[in-house]
């Protein structure tokens, strides 16, 4: 995509990013609803409407800055509210709610690569080029968000699963890291450390999906 202009890059990336973060949050709310907590449902947050989930900084400003200045794209939507006390099995179900987000990103990555495969099977046309670029972006952003969110740093989703595995009171002590989590993540991004940790995993997952769909 290096040959694309800034406007073209924004046009290519905007929909994949919006879908990736929007459906990620909606998945949290949907699983919470199924497990007994209707907080997100009552607030209208179990929806694919991006307007219900967009965070000005995390969904728009930061991804655009990173897109233009860094090979690493990162973003978030407004977190879906979940009340663990309303879940039928609070500790276990909260971990399942957390894992719903990365799972949704994996499923979206599969959908985007299926679209890419379809585009490559169709007769060549200049009209397909934007969709090919968009499907590549969709694959990358969803695999990236899946891998990122599985990292066990609060408040990322992977930390909720680690908290579930830890016995009391260690789980409570671990959760106290949450206020500092975003600062830790941003520091790891801008120092390049997070990319060095994540890129081997991202490449492994992408290559696995590419091989599964026989894309050459």
N, C-alpha and C. Protein backbone atom coordinates (compact mmCIF):
# COMPACT_ATOMS: atom_id res chain seq x y z
N UNK A 1 0.81 -1.21 0.00
CA UNK A 1 0.00 0.00 0.00
C UNK A 1 0.85 1.27 0.00
N UNK A 2 2.15 1.11 -0.09
CA UNK A 2 3.04 2.26 -0.01
C UNK A 2 2.80 3.27 -1.11
N UNK A 3 2.28 2.78 -2.26
CA UNK A 3 2.07 3.68 -3.39
C UNK A 3 0.80 4.50 -3.27
N UNK A 4 -0.02 4.24 -2.25
CA UNK A 4 -1.26 4.97 -2.07
C UNK A 4 -1.02 6.32 -1.43
N UNK A 5 -1.87 7.29 -1.76
CA UNK A 5 -1.81 8.60 -1.13
C UNK A 5 -2.40 8.50 0.28
N UNK A 6 -2.20 9.55 1.08
CA UNK A 6 -2.73 9.56 2.44
C UNK A 6 -4.25 9.40 2.44
N UNK A 7 -4.93 10.13 1.55
CA UNK A 7 -6.39 10.04 1.47
C UNK A 7 -6.82 8.63 1.09
N UNK A 8 -6.11 8.01 0.16
CA UNK A 8 -6.44 6.64 -0.26
C UNK A 8 -6.24 5.66 0.90
N UNK A 9 -5.17 5.84 1.66
CA UNK A 9 -4.92 4.96 2.80
C UNK A 9 -6.05 5.08 3.83
N UNK A 10 -6.47 6.32 4.11
CA UNK A 10 -7.55 6.53 5.07
C UNK A 10 -8.82 5.86 4.57
N UNK A 11 -9.12 6.01 3.27
CA UNK A 11 -10.33 5.42 2.69
C UNK A 11 -10.28 3.89 2.77
N UNK A 12 -9.09 3.32 2.60
CA UNK A 12 -8.93 1.87 2.64
C UNK A 12 -9.09 1.34 4.07
N UNK A 13 -8.52 2.06 5.04
CA UNK A 13 -8.45 1.55 6.40
C UNK A 13 -9.67 1.87 7.26
N UNK A 14 -10.43 2.90 6.92
CA UNK A 14 -11.45 3.39 7.84
C UNK A 14 -12.52 2.34 8.15
N UNK A 15 -13.04 1.66 7.13
CA UNK A 15 -14.08 0.66 7.37
C UNK A 15 -13.56 -0.55 8.14
N UNK A 16 -12.41 -1.13 7.75
CA UNK A 16 -11.90 -2.25 8.55
C UNK A 16 -11.67 -1.90 10.02
N UNK A 17 -11.14 -0.70 10.28
CA UNK A 17 -10.90 -0.30 11.67
C UNK A 17 -12.22 -0.15 12.42
N UNK A 18 -13.20 0.53 11.80
CA UNK A 18 -14.49 0.73 12.46
C UNK A 18 -15.17 -0.59 12.76
N UNK A 19 -15.19 -1.51 11.78
CA UNK A 19 -15.80 -2.81 12.01
C UNK A 19 -15.04 -3.59 13.08
N UNK A 20 -13.72 -3.52 13.05
CA UNK A 20 -12.90 -4.30 13.98
C UNK A 20 -13.17 -3.91 15.43
N UNK A 21 -13.18 -2.60 15.71
CA UNK A 21 -13.35 -2.16 17.10
C UNK A 21 -14.83 -2.18 17.51
N UNK A 22 -15.74 -1.91 16.56
CA UNK A 22 -17.16 -1.89 16.87
C UNK A 22 -17.68 -3.28 17.21
N UNK A 23 -17.41 -4.25 16.35
CA UNK A 23 -17.91 -5.61 16.58
C UNK A 23 -17.18 -6.28 17.75
N UNK A 24 -15.95 -5.87 17.99
CA UNK A 24 -15.22 -6.36 19.16
C UNK A 24 -16.00 -6.00 20.44
N UNK A 25 -16.39 -4.73 20.55
CA UNK A 25 -17.13 -4.30 21.74
C UNK A 25 -18.53 -4.89 21.78
N UNK A 26 -19.19 -4.97 20.62
CA UNK A 26 -20.53 -5.55 20.59
C UNK A 26 -20.50 -7.01 21.03
N UNK A 27 -19.43 -7.72 20.68
CA UNK A 27 -19.29 -9.13 21.08
C UNK A 27 -19.21 -9.26 22.60
N UNK A 28 -18.47 -8.34 23.24
CA UNK A 28 -18.42 -8.34 24.70
C UNK A 28 -19.84 -8.23 25.27
N UNK A 29 -20.59 -7.25 24.76
CA UNK A 29 -21.93 -7.01 25.27
C UNK A 29 -22.87 -8.17 25.01
N UNK A 30 -22.76 -8.78 23.83
CA UNK A 30 -23.64 -9.89 23.47
C UNK A 30 -23.42 -11.09 24.39
N UNK A 31 -22.14 -11.45 24.61
CA UNK A 31 -21.84 -12.60 25.46
C UNK A 31 -22.25 -12.31 26.90
N UNK A 32 -22.03 -11.06 27.36
CA UNK A 32 -22.46 -10.70 28.71
C UNK A 32 -23.97 -10.85 28.85
N UNK A 33 -24.71 -10.44 27.83
CA UNK A 33 -26.17 -10.55 27.84
C UNK A 33 -26.60 -12.01 27.92
N UNK A 34 -25.94 -12.87 27.15
CA UNK A 34 -26.26 -14.29 27.16
C UNK A 34 -25.92 -14.94 28.50
N UNK A 35 -24.96 -14.36 29.22
CA UNK A 35 -24.52 -14.93 30.49
C UNK A 35 -25.17 -14.27 31.70
N UNK A 36 -26.15 -13.38 31.45
CA UNK A 36 -26.96 -12.87 32.54
C UNK A 36 -26.90 -11.38 32.80
N UNK A 37 -25.96 -10.64 32.19
CA UNK A 37 -25.85 -9.20 32.43
C UNK A 37 -26.43 -8.42 31.25
N UNK A 38 -27.51 -7.72 31.47
CA UNK A 38 -28.17 -6.99 30.38
C UNK A 38 -27.79 -5.51 30.33
N UNK A 39 -26.71 -5.12 31.03
CA UNK A 39 -26.31 -3.71 31.09
C UNK A 39 -26.08 -3.14 29.69
N UNK A 40 -25.25 -3.79 28.90
CA UNK A 40 -24.95 -3.31 27.55
C UNK A 40 -26.20 -3.33 26.67
N UNK A 41 -27.05 -4.33 26.85
CA UNK A 41 -28.28 -4.44 26.07
C UNK A 41 -29.21 -3.26 26.35
N UNK A 42 -29.36 -2.91 27.62
CA UNK A 42 -30.23 -1.80 27.99
C UNK A 42 -29.71 -0.47 27.47
N UNK A 43 -28.39 -0.35 27.32
CA UNK A 43 -27.78 0.89 26.85
C UNK A 43 -27.65 0.94 25.32
N UNK A 44 -28.14 -0.09 24.64
CA UNK A 44 -28.09 -0.11 23.19
C UNK A 44 -26.70 -0.32 22.62
N UNK A 45 -25.83 -0.99 23.39
CA UNK A 45 -24.45 -1.17 22.95
C UNK A 45 -24.21 -2.49 22.21
N UNK A 46 -25.22 -3.35 22.15
CA UNK A 46 -25.05 -4.60 21.38
C UNK A 46 -25.53 -4.31 19.97
N UNK A 47 -24.72 -3.62 19.23
CA UNK A 47 -25.09 -3.18 17.89
C UNK A 47 -23.85 -3.01 17.03
N UNK A 48 -24.05 -3.14 15.72
CA UNK A 48 -22.95 -2.92 14.78
C UNK A 48 -22.87 -1.46 14.35
N UNK A 49 -23.69 -0.61 14.93
CA UNK A 49 -23.67 0.83 14.61
C UNK A 49 -22.42 1.45 15.24
N UNK A 50 -21.45 1.89 14.41
CA UNK A 50 -20.21 2.45 14.96
C UNK A 50 -20.42 3.66 15.85
N UNK A 51 -21.47 4.42 15.60
CA UNK A 51 -21.71 5.64 16.37
C UNK A 51 -21.92 5.34 17.85
N UNK A 52 -22.37 4.12 18.16
CA UNK A 52 -22.59 3.74 19.56
C UNK A 52 -21.29 3.38 20.27
N UNK A 53 -20.22 3.16 19.49
CA UNK A 53 -18.98 2.63 20.08
C UNK A 53 -17.77 3.54 19.88
N UNK A 54 -17.87 4.50 18.97
CA UNK A 54 -16.68 5.30 18.61
C UNK A 54 -16.16 6.11 19.79
N UNK A 55 -14.86 6.01 20.00
CA UNK A 55 -14.15 6.87 20.93
C UNK A 55 -13.29 7.81 20.09
N UNK A 56 -13.45 9.12 20.26
CA UNK A 56 -12.80 10.09 19.38
C UNK A 56 -11.29 9.85 19.30
N UNK A 57 -10.66 9.63 20.43
CA UNK A 57 -9.21 9.45 20.44
C UNK A 57 -8.84 8.03 19.99
N UNK A 58 -9.44 7.02 20.62
CA UNK A 58 -9.03 5.64 20.37
C UNK A 58 -9.46 5.07 19.04
N UNK A 59 -10.59 5.53 18.50
CA UNK A 59 -11.11 4.97 17.25
C UNK A 59 -10.70 5.79 16.03
N UNK A 60 -10.45 7.08 16.21
CA UNK A 60 -10.19 7.94 15.05
C UNK A 60 -8.80 8.59 15.10
N UNK A 61 -8.55 9.40 16.12
CA UNK A 61 -7.32 10.21 16.13
C UNK A 61 -6.06 9.36 16.22
N UNK A 62 -5.98 8.48 17.22
CA UNK A 62 -4.76 7.68 17.40
C UNK A 62 -4.49 6.74 16.23
N UNK A 63 -5.50 5.98 15.72
CA UNK A 63 -5.22 5.13 14.55
C UNK A 63 -4.73 5.92 13.33
N UNK A 64 -5.30 7.12 13.11
CA UNK A 64 -4.86 7.92 11.97
C UNK A 64 -3.43 8.39 12.14
N UNK A 65 -3.07 8.83 13.36
CA UNK A 65 -1.69 9.27 13.61
C UNK A 65 -0.72 8.10 13.40
N UNK A 66 -1.07 6.95 13.96
CA UNK A 66 -0.19 5.78 13.81
C UNK A 66 -0.10 5.32 12.37
N UNK A 67 -1.22 5.41 11.63
CA UNK A 67 -1.23 5.01 10.24
C UNK A 67 -0.23 5.82 9.42
N UNK A 68 -0.10 7.10 9.77
CA UNK A 68 0.75 8.00 9.00
C UNK A 68 2.19 8.07 9.52
N UNK A 69 2.41 7.59 10.75
CA UNK A 69 3.74 7.76 11.35
C UNK A 69 4.40 6.46 11.79
N UNK A 70 3.66 5.36 11.80
CA UNK A 70 4.19 4.13 12.37
C UNK A 70 3.68 2.92 11.58
N UNK A 71 4.45 1.84 11.54
CA UNK A 71 3.96 0.61 10.92
C UNK A 71 2.97 -0.12 11.82
N UNK A 72 2.82 0.35 13.06
CA UNK A 72 1.96 -0.29 14.05
C UNK A 72 0.68 0.51 14.20
N UNK A 73 -0.47 -0.12 13.97
CA UNK A 73 -1.77 0.55 14.10
C UNK A 73 -2.48 -0.01 15.33
N UNK A 74 -2.99 0.90 16.16
CA UNK A 74 -3.60 0.50 17.42
C UNK A 74 -4.78 1.42 17.68
N UNK A 75 -5.84 0.87 18.24
CA UNK A 75 -6.98 1.71 18.55
C UNK A 75 -7.95 0.98 19.47
N UNK A 76 -8.99 1.69 19.89
CA UNK A 76 -10.00 1.08 20.74
C UNK A 76 -11.31 1.83 20.58
N UNK A 77 -12.38 1.20 21.01
CA UNK A 77 -13.69 1.85 21.04
C UNK A 77 -14.06 2.09 22.50
N UNK A 78 -15.20 2.76 22.72
CA UNK A 78 -15.68 2.94 24.09
C UNK A 78 -15.97 1.56 24.68
N UNK A 79 -15.39 1.24 25.83
CA UNK A 79 -15.63 -0.08 26.41
C UNK A 79 -17.11 -0.31 26.70
N UNK A 80 -17.58 -1.50 26.38
CA UNK A 80 -18.95 -1.87 26.71
C UNK A 80 -19.04 -2.13 28.21
N UNK A 81 -20.00 -1.50 28.90
CA UNK A 81 -20.11 -1.72 30.36
C UNK A 81 -20.59 -3.13 30.67
N UNK A 82 -19.89 -3.77 31.57
CA UNK A 82 -20.27 -5.11 32.02
C UNK A 82 -20.26 -5.11 33.54
N UNK A 83 -21.35 -5.59 34.13
CA UNK A 83 -21.45 -5.70 35.58
C UNK A 83 -21.23 -7.16 35.98
N UNK A 84 -20.03 -7.51 36.45
CA UNK A 84 -19.74 -8.91 36.78
C UNK A 84 -20.71 -9.50 37.79
N UNK A 85 -21.25 -8.67 38.67
CA UNK A 85 -22.14 -9.16 39.72
C UNK A 85 -23.48 -9.65 39.15
N UNK A 86 -23.80 -9.26 37.92
CA UNK A 86 -25.04 -9.71 37.30
C UNK A 86 -24.84 -10.98 36.48
N UNK A 87 -23.61 -11.38 36.28
CA UNK A 87 -23.32 -12.61 35.55
C UNK A 87 -23.63 -13.81 36.44
N UNK A 88 -24.03 -14.92 35.82
CA UNK A 88 -24.43 -16.08 36.59
C UNK A 88 -23.26 -16.69 37.37
N UNK A 89 -22.10 -16.71 36.77
CA UNK A 89 -20.88 -17.17 37.43
C UNK A 89 -19.84 -16.07 37.24
N UNK A 90 -19.84 -15.05 38.11
CA UNK A 90 -19.12 -13.80 37.86
C UNK A 90 -17.68 -13.94 37.39
N UNK A 91 -16.85 -14.68 38.09
CA UNK A 91 -15.43 -14.73 37.73
C UNK A 91 -15.22 -15.45 36.41
N UNK A 92 -15.83 -16.62 36.26
CA UNK A 92 -15.66 -17.38 35.02
C UNK A 92 -16.30 -16.66 33.83
N UNK A 93 -17.52 -16.17 34.01
CA UNK A 93 -18.24 -15.55 32.90
C UNK A 93 -17.59 -14.24 32.47
N UNK A 94 -16.98 -13.51 33.42
CA UNK A 94 -16.29 -12.27 33.05
C UNK A 94 -15.11 -12.58 32.14
N UNK A 95 -14.44 -13.71 32.39
CA UNK A 95 -13.35 -14.13 31.51
C UNK A 95 -13.87 -14.49 30.12
N UNK A 96 -15.03 -15.15 30.06
CA UNK A 96 -15.63 -15.50 28.77
C UNK A 96 -16.06 -14.25 28.00
N UNK A 97 -16.61 -13.28 28.73
CA UNK A 97 -16.98 -12.00 28.09
C UNK A 97 -15.75 -11.34 27.49
N UNK A 98 -14.64 -11.36 28.23
CA UNK A 98 -13.40 -10.75 27.74
C UNK A 98 -12.90 -11.45 26.48
N UNK A 99 -12.94 -12.78 26.47
CA UNK A 99 -12.43 -13.53 25.31
C UNK A 99 -13.31 -13.38 24.07
N UNK A 100 -14.55 -12.92 24.27
CA UNK A 100 -15.45 -12.73 23.12
C UNK A 100 -14.91 -11.69 22.15
N UNK A 101 -14.22 -10.67 22.67
CA UNK A 101 -13.68 -9.62 21.79
C UNK A 101 -12.64 -10.14 20.83
N UNK A 102 -11.54 -10.76 21.32
CA UNK A 102 -10.55 -11.33 20.41
C UNK A 102 -11.13 -12.40 19.48
N UNK A 103 -12.10 -13.16 19.98
CA UNK A 103 -12.73 -14.18 19.13
C UNK A 103 -13.44 -13.53 17.95
N UNK A 104 -14.12 -12.40 18.21
CA UNK A 104 -14.81 -11.70 17.12
C UNK A 104 -13.81 -11.18 16.09
N UNK A 105 -12.64 -10.72 16.55
CA UNK A 105 -11.62 -10.25 15.62
C UNK A 105 -11.08 -11.38 14.76
N UNK A 106 -10.92 -12.56 15.35
CA UNK A 106 -10.48 -13.71 14.56
C UNK A 106 -11.50 -14.06 13.48
N UNK A 107 -12.78 -14.06 13.85
CA UNK A 107 -13.83 -14.37 12.88
C UNK A 107 -13.88 -13.32 11.77
N UNK A 108 -13.68 -12.05 12.13
CA UNK A 108 -13.65 -11.00 11.10
C UNK A 108 -12.43 -11.15 10.19
N UNK A 109 -11.30 -11.58 10.74
CA UNK A 109 -10.12 -11.83 9.92
C UNK A 109 -10.41 -12.91 8.90
N UNK A 110 -11.14 -13.95 9.32
CA UNK A 110 -11.52 -15.03 8.40
C UNK A 110 -12.43 -14.50 7.30
N UNK A 111 -13.38 -13.64 7.68
CA UNK A 111 -14.30 -13.07 6.68
C UNK A 111 -13.54 -12.21 5.67
N UNK A 112 -12.62 -11.37 6.16
CA UNK A 112 -11.86 -10.50 5.25
C UNK A 112 -10.98 -11.31 4.30
N UNK A 113 -10.38 -12.39 4.79
CA UNK A 113 -9.52 -13.16 3.90
C UNK A 113 -10.36 -13.96 2.91
N UNK A 114 -11.59 -14.32 3.31
CA UNK A 114 -12.50 -14.97 2.37
C UNK A 114 -12.89 -13.99 1.25
N UNK A 115 -13.09 -12.72 1.61
CA UNK A 115 -13.38 -11.70 0.60
C UNK A 115 -12.19 -11.53 -0.32
N UNK A 116 -10.98 -11.52 0.25
CA UNK A 116 -9.77 -11.42 -0.57
C UNK A 116 -9.68 -12.58 -1.54
N UNK A 117 -9.94 -13.78 -1.05
CA UNK A 117 -9.89 -14.97 -1.91
C UNK A 117 -10.89 -14.84 -3.05
N UNK A 118 -12.10 -14.38 -2.75
CA UNK A 118 -13.13 -14.21 -3.77
C UNK A 118 -12.69 -13.20 -4.82
N UNK A 119 -12.11 -12.09 -4.38
CA UNK A 119 -11.64 -11.06 -5.31
C UNK A 119 -10.57 -11.62 -6.25
N UNK A 120 -9.71 -12.47 -5.73
CA UNK A 120 -8.64 -13.03 -6.56
C UNK A 120 -9.15 -14.09 -7.52
N UNK A 121 -10.29 -14.69 -7.20
CA UNK A 121 -10.88 -15.69 -8.09
C UNK A 121 -11.67 -15.06 -9.23
N UNK A 122 -12.17 -13.85 -8.99
CA UNK A 122 -12.96 -13.15 -10.01
C UNK A 122 -12.05 -12.63 -11.12
N UNK A 123 -12.62 -12.41 -12.31
CA UNK A 123 -11.82 -11.81 -13.39
C UNK A 123 -11.21 -10.48 -12.95
N UNK A 124 -9.99 -10.22 -13.36
CA UNK A 124 -9.30 -9.01 -12.94
C UNK A 124 -10.07 -7.77 -13.39
N UNK A 125 -10.18 -6.83 -12.46
CA UNK A 125 -10.89 -5.59 -12.75
C UNK A 125 -10.34 -4.49 -11.85
N UNK A 126 -10.17 -3.28 -12.40
CA UNK A 126 -9.70 -2.17 -11.56
C UNK A 126 -10.67 -1.85 -10.42
N UNK A 127 -11.94 -2.24 -10.59
CA UNK A 127 -12.93 -1.96 -9.55
C UNK A 127 -12.72 -2.84 -8.31
N UNK A 128 -12.00 -3.94 -8.49
CA UNK A 128 -11.75 -4.84 -7.37
C UNK A 128 -10.54 -4.42 -6.53
N UNK A 129 -9.70 -3.57 -7.10
CA UNK A 129 -8.45 -3.21 -6.41
C UNK A 129 -8.70 -2.60 -5.03
N UNK A 130 -9.62 -1.62 -4.89
CA UNK A 130 -9.85 -1.07 -3.54
C UNK A 130 -10.32 -2.13 -2.55
N UNK A 131 -11.16 -3.07 -3.02
CA UNK A 131 -11.66 -4.11 -2.12
C UNK A 131 -10.54 -5.08 -1.73
N UNK A 132 -9.62 -5.32 -2.65
CA UNK A 132 -8.47 -6.17 -2.33
C UNK A 132 -7.62 -5.51 -1.25
N UNK A 133 -7.33 -4.23 -1.43
CA UNK A 133 -6.57 -3.50 -0.41
C UNK A 133 -7.32 -3.48 0.92
N UNK A 134 -8.64 -3.27 0.87
CA UNK A 134 -9.43 -3.20 2.08
C UNK A 134 -9.46 -4.53 2.81
N UNK A 135 -9.56 -5.63 2.06
CA UNK A 135 -9.57 -6.95 2.69
C UNK A 135 -8.22 -7.27 3.32
N UNK A 136 -7.13 -6.81 2.69
CA UNK A 136 -5.81 -6.99 3.29
C UNK A 136 -5.70 -6.20 4.59
N UNK A 137 -6.23 -4.96 4.57
CA UNK A 137 -6.23 -4.14 5.78
C UNK A 137 -7.09 -4.77 6.86
N UNK A 138 -8.25 -5.30 6.47
CA UNK A 138 -9.15 -5.94 7.42
C UNK A 138 -8.52 -7.16 8.07
N UNK A 139 -7.81 -7.94 7.27
CA UNK A 139 -7.10 -9.10 7.81
C UNK A 139 -6.07 -8.66 8.84
N UNK A 140 -5.26 -7.67 8.47
CA UNK A 140 -4.18 -7.23 9.36
C UNK A 140 -4.70 -6.63 10.65
N UNK A 141 -5.67 -5.70 10.55
CA UNK A 141 -6.12 -5.00 11.76
C UNK A 141 -6.82 -5.95 12.72
N UNK A 142 -7.53 -6.94 12.20
CA UNK A 142 -8.23 -7.87 13.08
C UNK A 142 -7.28 -8.87 13.74
N UNK A 143 -6.30 -9.35 13.00
CA UNK A 143 -5.30 -10.23 13.61
C UNK A 143 -4.51 -9.45 14.65
N UNK A 144 -4.16 -8.20 14.31
CA UNK A 144 -3.41 -7.36 15.25
C UNK A 144 -4.20 -7.14 16.53
N UNK A 145 -5.48 -6.79 16.41
CA UNK A 145 -6.30 -6.54 17.61
C UNK A 145 -6.51 -7.81 18.41
N UNK A 146 -6.65 -8.94 17.72
CA UNK A 146 -6.81 -10.20 18.43
C UNK A 146 -5.58 -10.50 19.28
N UNK A 147 -4.41 -10.42 18.65
CA UNK A 147 -3.16 -10.72 19.35
C UNK A 147 -2.91 -9.70 20.46
N UNK A 148 -3.13 -8.42 20.16
CA UNK A 148 -2.92 -7.37 21.16
C UNK A 148 -3.79 -7.59 22.38
N UNK A 149 -5.07 -7.87 22.15
CA UNK A 149 -5.99 -7.98 23.27
C UNK A 149 -5.78 -9.25 24.10
N UNK A 150 -5.06 -10.21 23.57
CA UNK A 150 -4.76 -11.41 24.34
C UNK A 150 -3.54 -11.24 25.23
N UNK A 151 -2.84 -10.11 25.09
CA UNK A 151 -1.70 -9.83 25.97
C UNK A 151 -2.22 -9.59 27.39
N UNK A 152 -1.63 -10.22 28.40
CA UNK A 152 -2.17 -10.13 29.76
C UNK A 152 -1.76 -8.87 30.53
N UNK A 153 -2.04 -7.71 29.92
CA UNK A 153 -1.82 -6.44 30.60
C UNK A 153 -3.18 -5.78 30.79
N UNK A 154 -3.60 -5.53 32.03
CA UNK A 154 -4.88 -4.85 32.24
C UNK A 154 -4.87 -3.49 31.55
N UNK A 155 -5.96 -3.04 30.91
CA UNK A 155 -7.27 -3.68 30.88
C UNK A 155 -7.51 -4.53 29.64
N UNK A 156 -6.47 -5.00 28.96
CA UNK A 156 -6.66 -5.83 27.78
C UNK A 156 -7.37 -7.13 28.15
N UNK A 157 -8.06 -7.71 27.17
CA UNK A 157 -8.91 -8.86 27.44
C UNK A 157 -8.14 -10.05 28.01
N UNK A 158 -6.90 -10.23 27.56
CA UNK A 158 -6.11 -11.35 28.06
C UNK A 158 -5.90 -11.28 29.56
N UNK A 159 -5.87 -10.07 30.11
CA UNK A 159 -5.67 -9.92 31.56
C UNK A 159 -6.86 -10.45 32.33
N UNK A 160 -8.07 -10.38 31.73
CA UNK A 160 -9.26 -10.88 32.42
C UNK A 160 -9.20 -12.39 32.56
N UNK A 161 -8.63 -13.04 31.55
CA UNK A 161 -8.51 -14.49 31.62
C UNK A 161 -7.46 -14.88 32.66
N UNK A 162 -6.35 -14.13 32.70
CA UNK A 162 -5.32 -14.39 33.71
C UNK A 162 -5.90 -14.17 35.11
N UNK A 163 -6.70 -13.12 35.27
CA UNK A 163 -7.33 -12.84 36.56
C UNK A 163 -8.23 -14.00 36.97
N UNK A 164 -8.93 -14.60 36.00
CA UNK A 164 -9.79 -15.75 36.28
C UNK A 164 -8.97 -16.94 36.78
N UNK A 165 -7.77 -17.12 36.22
CA UNK A 165 -6.93 -18.26 36.60
C UNK A 165 -6.27 -18.07 37.97
N UNK A 166 -6.06 -16.80 38.35
CA UNK A 166 -5.38 -16.53 39.62
C UNK A 166 -6.31 -16.75 40.81
N UNK A 167 -5.80 -17.31 41.88
CA UNK A 167 -6.63 -17.47 43.09
C UNK A 167 -6.76 -16.14 43.83
N UNK A 168 -7.80 -16.03 44.63
CA UNK A 168 -7.96 -14.87 45.52
C UNK A 168 -6.90 -14.95 46.62
N UNK A 169 -6.22 -13.85 47.00
CA UNK A 169 -6.44 -12.45 46.61
C UNK A 169 -5.55 -11.98 45.46
N UNK A 170 -4.81 -12.91 44.84
CA UNK A 170 -3.87 -12.51 43.78
C UNK A 170 -4.60 -11.89 42.59
N UNK A 171 -5.82 -12.35 42.31
CA UNK A 171 -6.57 -11.78 41.20
C UNK A 171 -6.88 -10.32 41.44
N UNK A 172 -7.23 -9.96 42.69
CA UNK A 172 -7.53 -8.57 43.02
C UNK A 172 -6.28 -7.70 42.91
N UNK A 173 -5.15 -8.22 43.34
CA UNK A 173 -3.90 -7.47 43.26
C UNK A 173 -3.50 -7.25 41.81
N UNK A 174 -3.71 -8.28 41.00
CA UNK A 174 -3.40 -8.17 39.57
C UNK A 174 -4.27 -7.11 38.91
N UNK A 175 -5.55 -7.08 39.25
CA UNK A 175 -6.49 -6.12 38.65
C UNK A 175 -6.15 -4.68 39.01
N UNK A 176 -5.40 -4.46 40.11
CA UNK A 176 -5.04 -3.10 40.51
C UNK A 176 -4.07 -2.44 39.53
N UNK A 177 -3.51 -3.24 38.59
CA UNK A 177 -2.64 -2.68 37.56
C UNK A 177 -3.42 -1.89 36.52
N UNK A 178 -4.74 -2.07 36.48
CA UNK A 178 -5.57 -1.53 35.39
C UNK A 178 -5.36 -0.04 35.12
N UNK A 179 -5.31 0.85 36.13
CA UNK A 179 -5.14 2.29 35.83
C UNK A 179 -3.85 2.62 35.09
N UNK A 180 -2.86 1.74 35.19
CA UNK A 180 -1.56 2.01 34.56
C UNK A 180 -1.39 1.26 33.24
N UNK A 181 -2.36 0.40 32.92
CA UNK A 181 -2.23 -0.48 31.77
C UNK A 181 -2.05 0.24 30.45
N UNK A 182 -2.91 1.22 30.16
CA UNK A 182 -2.85 1.94 28.89
C UNK A 182 -1.51 2.66 28.75
N UNK A 183 -1.02 3.24 29.84
CA UNK A 183 0.28 3.92 29.79
C UNK A 183 1.40 2.93 29.47
N UNK A 184 1.32 1.74 30.04
CA UNK A 184 2.32 0.71 29.76
C UNK A 184 2.26 0.30 28.30
N UNK A 185 1.04 0.12 27.79
CA UNK A 185 0.86 -0.31 26.40
C UNK A 185 1.39 0.76 25.43
N UNK A 186 1.03 2.03 25.68
CA UNK A 186 1.49 3.11 24.80
C UNK A 186 3.01 3.23 24.84
N UNK A 187 3.60 3.05 26.01
CA UNK A 187 5.06 3.11 26.12
C UNK A 187 5.70 1.98 25.32
N UNK A 188 5.11 0.80 25.38
CA UNK A 188 5.63 -0.35 24.63
C UNK A 188 5.49 -0.13 23.12
N UNK A 189 4.39 0.54 22.71
CA UNK A 189 4.18 0.82 21.28
C UNK A 189 5.24 1.79 20.77
N UNK A 190 5.40 2.92 21.45
CA UNK A 190 6.27 3.97 20.93
C UNK A 190 7.75 3.66 21.10
N UNK A 191 8.08 2.68 21.94
CA UNK A 191 9.48 2.24 22.04
C UNK A 191 9.77 1.10 21.07
N UNK A 192 8.72 0.58 20.43
CA UNK A 192 8.90 -0.51 19.48
C UNK A 192 8.94 -1.89 20.10
N UNK A 193 8.89 -1.96 21.42
CA UNK A 193 8.98 -3.25 22.10
C UNK A 193 7.75 -4.11 21.82
N UNK A 194 6.57 -3.49 21.83
CA UNK A 194 5.34 -4.26 21.62
C UNK A 194 5.32 -4.87 20.22
N UNK A 195 5.78 -4.10 19.23
CA UNK A 195 5.82 -4.62 17.87
C UNK A 195 6.73 -5.84 17.76
N UNK A 196 7.89 -5.78 18.43
CA UNK A 196 8.82 -6.90 18.39
C UNK A 196 8.23 -8.15 19.01
N UNK A 197 7.38 -7.95 20.03
CA UNK A 197 6.72 -9.09 20.67
C UNK A 197 5.60 -9.64 19.81
N UNK A 198 4.82 -8.73 19.22
CA UNK A 198 3.59 -9.15 18.54
C UNK A 198 3.78 -9.60 17.10
N UNK A 199 4.69 -8.96 16.35
CA UNK A 199 4.77 -9.23 14.91
C UNK A 199 5.02 -10.70 14.56
N UNK A 200 5.88 -11.44 15.30
CA UNK A 200 6.03 -12.87 14.98
C UNK A 200 4.71 -13.63 15.10
N UNK A 201 3.91 -13.29 16.12
CA UNK A 201 2.63 -13.97 16.31
C UNK A 201 1.65 -13.56 15.22
N UNK A 202 1.61 -12.25 14.91
CA UNK A 202 0.72 -11.75 13.86
C UNK A 202 1.06 -12.40 12.52
N UNK A 203 2.35 -12.47 12.19
CA UNK A 203 2.76 -13.09 10.93
C UNK A 203 2.39 -14.56 10.89
N UNK A 204 2.54 -15.24 12.02
CA UNK A 204 2.20 -16.67 12.09
C UNK A 204 0.72 -16.88 11.81
N UNK A 205 -0.13 -16.07 12.44
CA UNK A 205 -1.58 -16.22 12.26
C UNK A 205 -1.98 -15.86 10.83
N UNK A 206 -1.43 -14.76 10.30
CA UNK A 206 -1.75 -14.37 8.92
C UNK A 206 -1.33 -15.43 7.92
N UNK A 207 -0.11 -15.94 8.08
CA UNK A 207 0.37 -16.97 7.16
C UNK A 207 -0.47 -18.24 7.25
N UNK A 208 -0.94 -18.55 8.46
CA UNK A 208 -1.80 -19.71 8.63
C UNK A 208 -3.12 -19.53 7.88
N UNK A 209 -3.73 -18.35 7.98
CA UNK A 209 -5.00 -18.08 7.27
C UNK A 209 -4.78 -18.05 5.77
N UNK A 210 -3.67 -17.46 5.35
CA UNK A 210 -3.36 -17.40 3.91
C UNK A 210 -3.19 -18.81 3.34
N UNK A 211 -2.50 -19.67 4.10
CA UNK A 211 -2.31 -21.06 3.66
C UNK A 211 -3.64 -21.80 3.64
N UNK A 212 -4.50 -21.53 4.65
CA UNK A 212 -5.79 -22.21 4.74
C UNK A 212 -6.66 -21.89 3.53
N UNK A 213 -6.59 -20.64 3.05
CA UNK A 213 -7.41 -20.24 1.90
C UNK A 213 -6.66 -20.35 0.57
N UNK A 214 -5.45 -20.93 0.63
CA UNK A 214 -4.66 -21.19 -0.58
C UNK A 214 -4.45 -19.92 -1.42
N UNK A 215 -4.06 -18.85 -0.73
CA UNK A 215 -3.79 -17.59 -1.42
C UNK A 215 -2.29 -17.50 -1.71
N UNK A 216 -1.97 -17.24 -2.95
CA UNK A 216 -0.56 -17.15 -3.34
C UNK A 216 -0.24 -15.75 -3.86
